[in-house]
Amino acid sequence: MGAAALLRNLTDSIARASGPSRVTESHAQPLASGLTEALKYAASNSGDCVTLRGIYNISVGDEGIARALKSKGREHSTIVIGHELTSISRSLLIEGVMDAVLDQSPFVEAVRAVEVVLGHYKRGALSSLPLHTPISIYLQENLPPIGIE
């Protein structure tokens, strides 16, 4: 699913849950100061219609997002959903800065990629792994032990 479809699904889900709202899409270089500055502005601007309620980050940059929210005291009042369970996202989940992490199995993705290349050259057999990469949703309450993810 591409970024446009993810944003459309997110916007539809927010509208169903809370009525009409404005979802702003921001394209920024990962970890660039521009992302941090944009978040600082959005987190502090509670005037005319602009209230930051949540961030859905489909890229890297969780640390920068957390820093920006913390600098404005919004780390526990803004919902943050990201991708890939890493040591950083795990820490942010435990702290309560991130609320959820959507994770696809990097192992299954890597095996599938190797199988595609081997299949192209008519070598190797398909594994018994599922054809679709499984998605896990991690919250504070269901984090796997370190090293298991």
N, C-alpha and C. Protein backbone atom coordinates (compact mmCIF):
# COMPACT_ATOMS: atom_id res chain seq x y z
N MET A 1 0.85 -1.16 0.00
CA MET A 1 0.00 0.00 0.00
C MET A 1 0.90 1.23 0.00
N GLY A 2 0.64 2.16 -0.90
CA GLY A 2 1.45 3.35 -1.01
C GLY A 2 1.10 4.40 0.03
N ALA A 3 1.93 5.44 0.09
CA ALA A 3 1.75 6.51 1.07
C ALA A 3 0.41 7.22 0.88
N ALA A 4 -0.01 7.44 -0.37
CA ALA A 4 -1.28 8.13 -0.63
C ALA A 4 -2.46 7.31 -0.09
N ALA A 5 -2.42 6.00 -0.29
CA ALA A 5 -3.50 5.14 0.21
C ALA A 5 -3.49 5.09 1.73
N LEU A 6 -2.30 5.07 2.34
CA LEU A 6 -2.21 5.09 3.80
C LEU A 6 -2.82 6.36 4.36
N LEU A 7 -2.50 7.51 3.74
CA LEU A 7 -3.04 8.79 4.21
C LEU A 7 -4.56 8.83 4.03
N ARG A 8 -5.05 8.34 2.90
CA ARG A 8 -6.50 8.33 2.65
C ARG A 8 -7.22 7.45 3.69
N ASN A 9 -6.66 6.27 3.97
CA ASN A 9 -7.26 5.38 4.97
C ASN A 9 -7.23 6.01 6.36
N LEU A 10 -6.13 6.68 6.68
CA LEU A 10 -6.03 7.35 7.97
C LEU A 10 -7.07 8.46 8.08
N THR A 11 -7.20 9.28 7.05
CA THR A 11 -8.17 10.38 7.05
C THR A 11 -9.58 9.83 7.20
N ASP A 12 -9.90 8.78 6.47
CA ASP A 12 -11.24 8.16 6.57
C ASP A 12 -11.49 7.62 7.98
N SER A 13 -10.48 6.99 8.57
CA SER A 13 -10.63 6.43 9.92
C SER A 13 -10.85 7.53 10.95
N ILE A 14 -10.11 8.63 10.81
CA ILE A 14 -10.28 9.76 11.75
C ILE A 14 -11.67 10.34 11.60
N ALA A 15 -12.15 10.51 10.37
CA ALA A 15 -13.49 11.07 10.14
C ALA A 15 -14.57 10.18 10.75
N ARG A 16 -14.42 8.85 10.61
CA ARG A 16 -15.40 7.93 11.19
C ARG A 16 -15.39 8.00 12.72
N ALA A 17 -14.20 8.17 13.29
CA ALA A 17 -14.08 8.15 14.75
C ALA A 17 -14.46 9.46 15.40
N SER A 18 -14.18 10.59 14.74
CA SER A 18 -14.36 11.86 15.44
C SER A 18 -15.06 12.93 14.61
N GLY A 19 -15.62 12.57 13.49
CA GLY A 19 -16.26 13.57 12.64
C GLY A 19 -15.25 14.23 11.73
N PRO A 20 -15.71 15.17 10.92
CA PRO A 20 -14.81 15.82 9.95
C PRO A 20 -13.62 16.48 10.65
N SER A 21 -12.48 16.35 10.05
CA SER A 21 -11.28 16.98 10.59
C SER A 21 -10.32 17.25 9.45
N ARG A 22 -9.30 17.99 9.76
CA ARG A 22 -8.31 18.30 8.75
C ARG A 22 -7.06 17.48 9.00
N VAL A 23 -6.62 16.77 7.98
CA VAL A 23 -5.39 16.01 8.06
C VAL A 23 -4.41 16.66 7.10
N THR A 24 -3.27 17.05 7.62
CA THR A 24 -2.26 17.70 6.80
C THR A 24 -1.14 16.72 6.54
N GLU A 25 -0.75 16.62 5.29
CA GLU A 25 0.34 15.74 4.91
C GLU A 25 1.60 16.59 4.81
N SER A 26 2.66 16.11 5.42
CA SER A 26 3.92 16.84 5.40
C SER A 26 4.99 15.94 4.81
N HIS A 27 5.68 16.46 3.83
CA HIS A 27 6.82 15.74 3.25
C HIS A 27 8.08 16.44 3.72
N ALA A 28 8.88 15.74 4.49
CA ALA A 28 10.10 16.34 5.01
C ALA A 28 11.22 15.32 4.92
N GLN A 29 12.42 15.81 4.83
CA GLN A 29 13.57 14.93 4.84
C GLN A 29 13.64 14.28 6.22
N PRO A 30 13.87 12.97 6.29
CA PRO A 30 13.94 12.32 7.60
C PRO A 30 14.97 12.98 8.50
N LEU A 31 14.58 13.23 9.73
CA LEU A 31 15.44 13.80 10.76
C LEU A 31 15.94 15.20 10.44
N ALA A 32 15.46 15.82 9.38
CA ALA A 32 15.91 17.17 9.03
C ALA A 32 15.32 18.17 10.01
N SER A 33 16.01 19.29 10.17
CA SER A 33 15.53 20.29 11.11
C SER A 33 14.18 20.84 10.66
N GLY A 34 13.88 20.78 9.37
CA GLY A 34 12.60 21.27 8.87
C GLY A 34 11.44 20.50 9.47
N LEU A 35 11.57 19.19 9.62
CA LEU A 35 10.53 18.37 10.23
C LEU A 35 10.33 18.78 11.68
N THR A 36 11.43 18.92 12.41
CA THR A 36 11.35 19.31 13.81
C THR A 36 10.71 20.68 13.96
N GLU A 37 11.09 21.62 13.11
CA GLU A 37 10.53 22.97 13.19
C GLU A 37 9.04 22.97 12.86
N ALA A 38 8.63 22.20 11.85
CA ALA A 38 7.21 22.13 11.49
C ALA A 38 6.40 21.55 12.64
N LEU A 39 6.93 20.54 13.31
CA LEU A 39 6.22 19.94 14.44
C LEU A 39 6.16 20.89 15.62
N LYS A 40 7.25 21.62 15.86
CA LYS A 40 7.23 22.59 16.96
C LYS A 40 6.15 23.63 16.71
N TYR A 41 6.05 24.09 15.47
CA TYR A 41 5.03 25.09 15.13
C TYR A 41 3.63 24.51 15.32
N ALA A 42 3.39 23.33 14.77
CA ALA A 42 2.06 22.72 14.87
C ALA A 42 1.69 22.42 16.31
N ALA A 43 2.67 21.97 17.10
CA ALA A 43 2.39 21.62 18.49
C ALA A 43 2.11 22.85 19.34
N SER A 44 2.65 23.99 18.95
CA SER A 44 2.46 25.19 19.77
C SER A 44 1.31 26.06 19.29
N ASN A 45 0.86 25.88 18.06
CA ASN A 45 -0.17 26.74 17.50
C ASN A 45 -1.54 26.15 17.79
N SER A 46 -2.16 26.63 18.84
CA SER A 46 -3.47 26.10 19.19
C SER A 46 -4.57 27.09 18.85
N GLY A 47 -4.24 28.10 18.05
CA GLY A 47 -5.21 29.12 17.66
C GLY A 47 -6.18 28.61 16.63
N ASP A 48 -6.60 29.46 15.76
CA ASP A 48 -7.66 29.28 14.78
C ASP A 48 -7.78 27.89 14.19
N CYS A 49 -8.11 26.93 14.39
CA CYS A 49 -8.31 25.65 13.74
C CYS A 49 -7.09 24.73 13.78
N VAL A 50 -5.94 25.16 14.19
CA VAL A 50 -4.80 24.26 14.13
C VAL A 50 -4.52 23.71 15.52
N THR A 51 -4.87 22.46 15.71
CA THR A 51 -4.56 21.76 16.95
C THR A 51 -4.00 20.41 16.56
N LEU A 52 -2.78 20.17 16.95
CA LEU A 52 -2.13 18.91 16.61
C LEU A 52 -2.64 17.82 17.55
N ARG A 53 -3.34 16.85 16.99
CA ARG A 53 -3.86 15.75 17.81
C ARG A 53 -3.07 14.46 17.60
N GLY A 54 -2.50 14.30 16.43
CA GLY A 54 -1.79 13.06 16.18
C GLY A 54 -0.83 13.17 15.02
N ILE A 55 0.14 12.26 15.03
CA ILE A 55 1.13 12.17 13.96
C ILE A 55 1.19 10.71 13.53
N TYR A 56 1.07 10.49 12.23
CA TYR A 56 1.25 9.16 11.67
C TYR A 56 2.51 9.24 10.81
N ASN A 57 3.58 8.67 11.30
CA ASN A 57 4.88 8.77 10.65
C ASN A 57 5.16 7.48 9.87
N ILE A 58 5.20 7.59 8.54
CA ILE A 58 5.45 6.39 7.73
C ILE A 58 6.91 6.29 7.32
N SER A 59 7.75 7.11 7.91
CA SER A 59 9.15 7.12 7.54
C SER A 59 9.99 7.02 8.82
N VAL A 60 11.27 7.35 8.69
CA VAL A 60 12.14 7.42 9.86
C VAL A 60 11.95 8.79 10.49
N GLY A 61 12.49 9.00 11.67
CA GLY A 61 12.41 10.30 12.29
C GLY A 61 11.67 10.33 13.60
N ASP A 62 11.42 9.16 14.20
CA ASP A 62 10.69 9.11 15.46
C ASP A 62 11.38 9.93 16.55
N GLU A 63 12.72 9.90 16.57
CA GLU A 63 13.46 10.66 17.59
C GLU A 63 13.23 12.16 17.43
N GLY A 64 13.26 12.65 16.20
CA GLY A 64 13.04 14.07 15.95
C GLY A 64 11.63 14.49 16.32
N ILE A 65 10.66 13.64 16.01
CA ILE A 65 9.27 13.91 16.38
C ILE A 65 9.15 13.98 17.90
N ALA A 66 9.75 13.01 18.60
CA ALA A 66 9.69 12.99 20.06
C ALA A 66 10.33 14.24 20.65
N ARG A 67 11.49 14.64 20.11
CA ARG A 67 12.18 15.84 20.59
C ARG A 67 11.30 17.08 20.43
N ALA A 68 10.68 17.21 19.25
CA ALA A 68 9.83 18.37 18.98
C ALA A 68 8.63 18.40 19.92
N LEU A 69 7.99 17.26 20.13
CA LEU A 69 6.84 17.22 21.02
C LEU A 69 7.24 17.51 22.46
N LYS A 70 8.37 16.95 22.88
CA LYS A 70 8.84 17.18 24.25
C LYS A 70 9.17 18.65 24.47
N SER A 71 9.72 19.30 23.45
CA SER A 71 10.09 20.71 23.61
C SER A 71 8.87 21.60 23.83
N LYS A 72 7.70 21.14 23.42
CA LYS A 72 6.46 21.90 23.60
C LYS A 72 5.56 21.29 24.67
N GLY A 73 6.07 20.28 25.38
CA GLY A 73 5.27 19.65 26.42
C GLY A 73 4.07 18.88 25.88
N ARG A 74 4.15 18.41 24.64
CA ARG A 74 3.02 17.73 24.00
C ARG A 74 3.26 16.23 23.84
N GLU A 75 4.29 15.68 24.48
CA GLU A 75 4.64 14.28 24.24
C GLU A 75 3.60 13.29 24.73
N HIS A 76 2.74 13.69 25.66
CA HIS A 76 1.72 12.77 26.15
C HIS A 76 0.31 13.16 25.73
N SER A 77 0.19 14.28 25.01
CA SER A 77 -1.14 14.72 24.57
C SER A 77 -1.31 14.61 23.06
N THR A 78 -0.28 14.16 22.37
CA THR A 78 -0.34 13.97 20.92
C THR A 78 -0.17 12.49 20.62
N ILE A 79 -1.08 11.93 19.87
CA ILE A 79 -0.99 10.51 19.50
C ILE A 79 0.07 10.36 18.41
N VAL A 80 1.00 9.45 18.61
CA VAL A 80 2.05 9.21 17.62
C VAL A 80 2.04 7.73 17.25
N ILE A 81 1.89 7.48 15.95
CA ILE A 81 1.93 6.13 15.41
C ILE A 81 3.05 6.09 14.39
N GLY A 82 3.89 5.08 14.48
CA GLY A 82 5.02 4.96 13.57
C GLY A 82 5.15 3.55 13.02
N HIS A 83 6.22 3.35 12.28
CA HIS A 83 6.49 2.05 11.66
C HIS A 83 7.84 1.53 12.13
N GLU A 84 7.98 0.22 12.14
CA GLU A 84 9.20 -0.51 12.46
C GLU A 84 9.55 -0.45 13.95
N LEU A 85 9.51 -1.58 14.60
CA LEU A 85 9.89 -1.68 15.99
C LEU A 85 11.41 -1.73 16.07
N THR A 86 11.99 -0.64 16.53
CA THR A 86 13.45 -0.52 16.70
C THR A 86 13.73 -0.23 18.17
N SER A 87 14.99 -0.14 18.53
CA SER A 87 15.31 0.21 19.92
C SER A 87 14.78 1.61 20.25
N ILE A 88 14.79 2.50 19.28
CA ILE A 88 14.28 3.86 19.51
C ILE A 88 12.77 3.86 19.68
N SER A 89 12.05 3.22 18.75
CA SER A 89 10.59 3.21 18.87
C SER A 89 10.15 2.44 20.11
N ARG A 90 10.88 1.41 20.48
CA ARG A 90 10.58 0.66 21.70
C ARG A 90 10.68 1.60 22.91
N SER A 91 11.77 2.36 23.00
CA SER A 91 11.96 3.29 24.12
C SER A 91 10.85 4.34 24.16
N LEU A 92 10.47 4.85 22.98
CA LEU A 92 9.42 5.86 22.92
C LEU A 92 8.06 5.29 23.29
N LEU A 93 7.81 4.01 22.97
CA LEU A 93 6.58 3.35 23.41
C LEU A 93 6.56 3.22 24.94
N ILE A 94 7.68 2.78 25.49
CA ILE A 94 7.77 2.60 26.95
C ILE A 94 7.58 3.93 27.66
N GLU A 95 8.18 5.01 27.12
CA GLU A 95 8.04 6.35 27.70
C GLU A 95 6.63 6.90 27.57
N GLY A 96 5.87 6.37 26.61
CA GLY A 96 4.53 6.89 26.37
C GLY A 96 4.51 8.02 25.35
N VAL A 97 5.64 8.27 24.68
CA VAL A 97 5.69 9.30 23.64
C VAL A 97 5.06 8.77 22.36
N MET A 98 5.33 7.52 22.03
CA MET A 98 4.67 6.87 20.90
C MET A 98 3.54 6.02 21.46
N ASP A 99 2.46 5.92 20.68
CA ASP A 99 1.31 5.17 21.13
C ASP A 99 1.19 3.80 20.46
N ALA A 100 1.71 3.69 19.25
CA ALA A 100 1.64 2.41 18.53
C ALA A 100 2.73 2.37 17.47
N VAL A 101 3.19 1.16 17.20
CA VAL A 101 4.16 0.92 16.13
C VAL A 101 3.63 -0.22 15.27
N LEU A 102 3.55 0.04 13.97
CA LEU A 102 3.15 -0.99 13.01
C LEU A 102 4.44 -1.59 12.47
N ASP A 103 4.57 -2.90 12.59
CA ASP A 103 5.84 -3.54 12.24
C ASP A 103 5.61 -4.69 11.27
N GLN A 104 6.37 -4.68 10.19
CA GLN A 104 6.36 -5.81 9.27
C GLN A 104 7.64 -6.58 9.49
N SER A 105 7.56 -7.85 9.43
CA SER A 105 8.71 -8.70 9.73
C SER A 105 9.84 -8.49 8.72
N PRO A 106 10.95 -7.87 9.16
CA PRO A 106 12.08 -7.68 8.24
C PRO A 106 12.64 -9.01 7.75
N PHE A 107 12.57 -10.06 8.59
CA PHE A 107 13.07 -11.37 8.20
C PHE A 107 12.27 -11.91 7.01
N VAL A 108 10.94 -11.85 7.11
CA VAL A 108 10.09 -12.36 6.02
C VAL A 108 10.32 -11.51 4.77
N GLU A 109 10.43 -10.20 4.92
CA GLU A 109 10.68 -9.33 3.77
C GLU A 109 11.99 -9.70 3.08
N ALA A 110 13.05 -9.94 3.87
CA ALA A 110 14.35 -10.28 3.30
C ALA A 110 14.31 -11.64 2.60
N VAL A 111 13.68 -12.62 3.22
CA VAL A 111 13.58 -13.95 2.61
C VAL A 111 12.81 -13.86 1.29
N ARG A 112 11.72 -13.12 1.28
CA ARG A 112 10.93 -12.97 0.05
C ARG A 112 11.76 -12.29 -1.05
N ALA A 113 12.54 -11.29 -0.69
CA ALA A 113 13.38 -10.60 -1.68
C ALA A 113 14.41 -11.55 -2.28
N VAL A 114 15.04 -12.36 -1.45
CA VAL A 114 16.02 -13.33 -1.94
C VAL A 114 15.33 -14.36 -2.83
N GLU A 115 14.14 -14.80 -2.43
CA GLU A 115 13.41 -15.78 -3.23
C GLU A 115 13.06 -15.22 -4.61
N VAL A 116 12.71 -13.96 -4.69
CA VAL A 116 12.39 -13.34 -5.98
C VAL A 116 13.62 -13.35 -6.88
N VAL A 117 14.76 -12.96 -6.33
CA VAL A 117 16.00 -12.95 -7.12
C VAL A 117 16.37 -14.37 -7.55
N LEU A 118 16.32 -15.33 -6.63
CA LEU A 118 16.65 -16.71 -6.97
C LEU A 118 15.66 -17.27 -7.99
N GLY A 119 14.39 -16.94 -7.85
CA GLY A 119 13.38 -17.40 -8.80
C GLY A 119 13.63 -16.85 -10.20
N HIS A 120 14.09 -15.61 -10.27
CA HIS A 120 14.40 -15.02 -11.57
C HIS A 120 15.47 -15.84 -12.30
N TYR A 121 16.43 -16.36 -11.55
CA TYR A 121 17.51 -17.15 -12.14
C TYR A 121 17.23 -18.65 -12.08
N LYS A 122 15.98 -19.01 -11.77
CA LYS A 122 15.55 -20.41 -11.72
C LYS A 122 16.37 -21.24 -10.73
N ARG A 123 16.63 -20.66 -9.57
CA ARG A 123 17.38 -21.35 -8.52
C ARG A 123 16.58 -21.34 -7.23
N GLY A 124 16.73 -22.36 -6.46
CA GLY A 124 16.10 -22.41 -5.14
C GLY A 124 14.60 -22.67 -5.20
N ALA A 125 14.07 -23.01 -4.04
CA ALA A 125 12.63 -23.29 -3.92
C ALA A 125 12.02 -22.25 -2.99
N LEU A 126 10.71 -22.06 -3.13
CA LEU A 126 10.02 -21.13 -2.24
C LEU A 126 9.99 -21.67 -0.82
N SER A 127 10.08 -20.76 0.14
CA SER A 127 9.99 -21.18 1.54
C SER A 127 8.52 -21.40 1.90
N SER A 128 8.31 -21.85 3.10
CA SER A 128 6.93 -22.04 3.56
C SER A 128 6.39 -20.80 4.27
N LEU A 129 7.13 -19.69 4.19
CA LEU A 129 6.67 -18.45 4.81
C LEU A 129 5.42 -17.94 4.09
N PRO A 130 4.58 -17.17 4.80
CA PRO A 130 3.38 -16.65 4.15
C PRO A 130 3.72 -15.74 2.97
N LEU A 131 2.84 -15.72 1.97
CA LEU A 131 3.09 -14.87 0.80
C LEU A 131 2.99 -13.40 1.15
N HIS A 132 2.13 -13.04 2.08
CA HIS A 132 1.99 -11.66 2.51
C HIS A 132 2.80 -11.45 3.78
N THR A 133 3.49 -10.32 3.84
CA THR A 133 4.28 -10.02 5.02
C THR A 133 3.34 -9.71 6.18
N PRO A 134 3.46 -10.43 7.28
CA PRO A 134 2.57 -10.18 8.42
C PRO A 134 2.85 -8.82 9.05
N ILE A 135 1.81 -8.20 9.58
CA ILE A 135 1.95 -6.91 10.26
C ILE A 135 1.60 -7.13 11.73
N SER A 136 2.47 -6.62 12.60
CA SER A 136 2.20 -6.67 14.04
C SER A 136 2.00 -5.24 14.52
N ILE A 137 1.06 -5.06 15.43
CA ILE A 137 0.81 -3.75 16.02
C ILE A 137 1.29 -3.82 17.47
N TYR A 138 2.29 -3.00 17.79
CA TYR A 138 2.84 -3.00 19.14
C TYR A 138 2.41 -1.77 19.90
N LEU A 139 2.01 -2.00 21.15
CA LEU A 139 1.65 -0.96 22.11
C LEU A 139 2.54 -1.19 23.33
N GLN A 140 2.47 -0.31 24.31
CA GLN A 140 3.23 -0.54 25.55
C GLN A 140 2.92 -1.91 26.13
N GLU A 141 1.66 -2.28 26.07
CA GLU A 141 1.20 -3.49 26.76
C GLU A 141 1.62 -4.81 26.11
N ASN A 142 1.98 -4.79 24.83
CA ASN A 142 2.29 -6.06 24.18
C ASN A 142 3.67 -6.10 23.53
N LEU A 143 4.60 -5.29 24.04
CA LEU A 143 5.96 -5.32 23.49
C LEU A 143 6.59 -6.69 23.74
N PRO A 144 7.17 -7.26 22.71
CA PRO A 144 7.86 -8.54 22.92
C PRO A 144 9.17 -8.30 23.68
N PRO A 145 9.70 -9.32 24.33
CA PRO A 145 11.00 -9.17 24.99
C PRO A 145 12.06 -8.75 23.98
N ILE A 146 13.05 -8.03 24.42
CA ILE A 146 14.13 -7.56 23.53
C ILE A 146 14.76 -8.76 22.83
N GLY A 147 14.95 -8.64 21.52
CA GLY A 147 15.57 -9.69 20.74
C GLY A 147 14.56 -10.62 20.08
N ILE A 148 13.30 -10.56 20.48
CA ILE A 148 12.28 -11.46 19.92
C ILE A 148 11.62 -10.83 18.70
N GLU A 149 11.56 -9.50 18.65
CA GLU A 149 10.85 -8.86 17.53
C GLU A 149 11.51 -9.19 16.24
